[in-house]
Each structure stands twice: as C-alpha cells, then as structure tokens.
Amino acid sequence: MVPILLVLLLVLILFGAGFALKLLWWIALAVLVIWLLGFVMRGTTGAGGRGRWYRW
C-alpha cells in the first residue's frame, strides 16, 4: 500500500511541476512579445532623445 501511495505522490508532483513549467514558458513568451512590441511602438522622444520606452 505504501509503495502505491509513493508512486501516486510522485506522479502528482511531476504533473504539478510540468504544469507550472508550461505556465512559466507561456508567461515568458508573453513578456518577450510585450518587450518586442515596446521597441516597435516606441516614440521618437525620450530620455536623451533615444526614444526608449523604458527608463533603464
């Protein structure tokens, strides 16, 4: 009985980690798209005249 519970616990942990990693990949992709859109849609004025959409 204990080995079956350990295997089920391992399956749940691996399933949860896989779901979390997939979610993190989607979040990273969304951030990358927003970052790239910021360069496409940046204005012509900014700090130092470089037209950056961020301050750093």
C-alpha atoms as a PDB file:
ATOM      1  CA  MET A   1       0.000   0.000   0.000  1.00  0.00           C
ATOM      2  CA  VAL A   2       2.811   2.433   0.854  1.00  0.00           C
ATOM      3  CA  PRO A   3       4.668   1.961  -2.491  1.00  0.00           C
ATOM      4  CA  ILE A   4       1.457   2.700  -4.401  1.00  0.00           C
ATOM      5  CA  LEU A   5       0.943   5.886  -2.413  1.00  0.00           C
ATOM      6  CA  LEU A   6       4.548   6.928  -3.028  1.00  0.00           C
ATOM      7  CA  VAL A   7       4.170   6.355  -6.758  1.00  0.00           C
ATOM      8  CA  LEU A   8       0.935   8.341  -6.826  1.00  0.00           C
ATOM      9  CA  LEU A   9       2.587  11.142  -4.859  1.00  0.00           C
ATOM     10  CA  LEU A  10       5.488  11.175  -7.329  1.00  0.00           C
ATOM     11  CA  VAL A  11       3.061  11.325 -10.250  1.00  0.00           C
ATOM     12  CA  LEU A  12       1.232  14.268  -8.669  1.00  0.00           C
ATOM     13  CA  ILE A  13       4.486  16.125  -8.017  1.00  0.00           C
ATOM     14  CA  LEU A  14       5.730  15.583 -11.568  1.00  0.00           C
ATOM     15  CA  PHE A  15       2.362  16.588 -13.040  1.00  0.00           C
ATOM     16  CA  GLY A  16       2.315  19.757 -10.941  1.00  0.00           C
ATOM     17  CA  ALA A  17       5.886  20.652 -11.922  1.00  0.00           C
ATOM     18  CA  GLY A  18       5.132  20.071 -15.588  1.00  0.00           C
ATOM     19  CA  PHE A  19       2.065  22.309 -15.428  1.00  0.00           C
ATOM     20  CA  ALA A  20       3.998  25.039 -13.593  1.00  0.00           C
ATOM     21  CA  LEU A  21       6.875  24.923 -16.084  1.00  0.00           C
ATOM     22  CA  LYS A  22       4.485  25.105 -19.029  1.00  0.00           C
ATOM     23  CA  LEU A  23       2.764  28.095 -17.421  1.00  0.00           C
ATOM     24  CA  LEU A  24       6.121  29.804 -16.882  1.00  0.00           C
ATOM     25  CA  TRP A  25       7.016  29.289 -20.551  1.00  0.00           C
ATOM     26  CA  TRP A  26       3.770  30.989 -21.609  1.00  0.00           C
ATOM     27  CA  ILE A  27       4.429  33.897 -19.219  1.00  0.00           C
ATOM     28  CA  ALA A  28       7.978  34.277 -20.559  1.00  0.00           C
ATOM     29  CA  LEU A  29       6.652  34.287 -24.122  1.00  0.00           C
ATOM     30  CA  ALA A  30       4.089  36.986 -23.268  1.00  0.00           C
ATOM     31  CA  VAL A  31       6.773  39.161 -21.647  1.00  0.00           C
ATOM     32  CA  LEU A  32       9.011  38.745 -24.698  1.00  0.00           C
ATOM     33  CA  VAL A  33       6.199  39.793 -27.050  1.00  0.00           C
ATOM     34  CA  ILE A  34       5.401  42.863 -24.921  1.00  0.00           C
ATOM     35  CA  TRP A  35       9.095  43.764 -24.801  1.00  0.00           C
ATOM     36  CA  LEU A  36       9.434  43.472 -28.588  1.00  0.00           C
ATOM     37  CA  LEU A  37       6.244  45.478 -29.158  1.00  0.00           C
ATOM     38  CA  GLY A  38       7.731  48.208 -26.992  1.00  0.00           C
ATOM     39  CA  PHE A  39      10.579  48.607 -29.472  1.00  0.00           C
ATOM     40  CA  VAL A  40       8.209  48.647 -32.439  1.00  0.00           C
ATOM     41  CA  MET A  41       5.776  51.177 -30.954  1.00  0.00           C
ATOM     42  CA  ARG A  42       8.269  53.409 -29.164  1.00  0.00           C
ATOM     43  CA  GLY A  43       8.014  57.137 -29.521  1.00  0.00           C
ATOM     44  CA  THR A  44      10.573  59.425 -31.110  1.00  0.00           C
ATOM     45  CA  THR A  45      11.127  61.428 -27.930  1.00  0.00           C
ATOM     46  CA  GLY A  46      12.589  60.214 -24.710  1.00  0.00           C
ATOM     47  CA  ALA A  47      15.494  60.416 -22.325  1.00  0.00           C
ATOM     48  CA  GLY A  48      18.453  61.742 -24.256  1.00  0.00           C
ATOM     49  CA  GLY A  49      16.490  61.713 -27.500  1.00  0.00           C
ATOM     50  CA  ARG A  50      16.974  57.987 -27.974  1.00  0.00           C
ATOM     51  CA  GLY A  51      13.250  57.205 -27.896  1.00  0.00           C
ATOM     52  CA  ARG A  52      13.303  54.388 -25.393  1.00  0.00           C
ATOM     53  CA  TRP A  53      10.013  53.256 -23.862  1.00  0.00           C
ATOM     54  CA  TYR A  54      11.694  52.273 -20.617  1.00  0.00           C
ATOM     55  CA  ARG A  55      13.865  54.282 -18.245  1.00  0.00           C
ATOM     56  CA  TRP A  56      16.836  51.979 -17.773  1.00  0.00           C
END
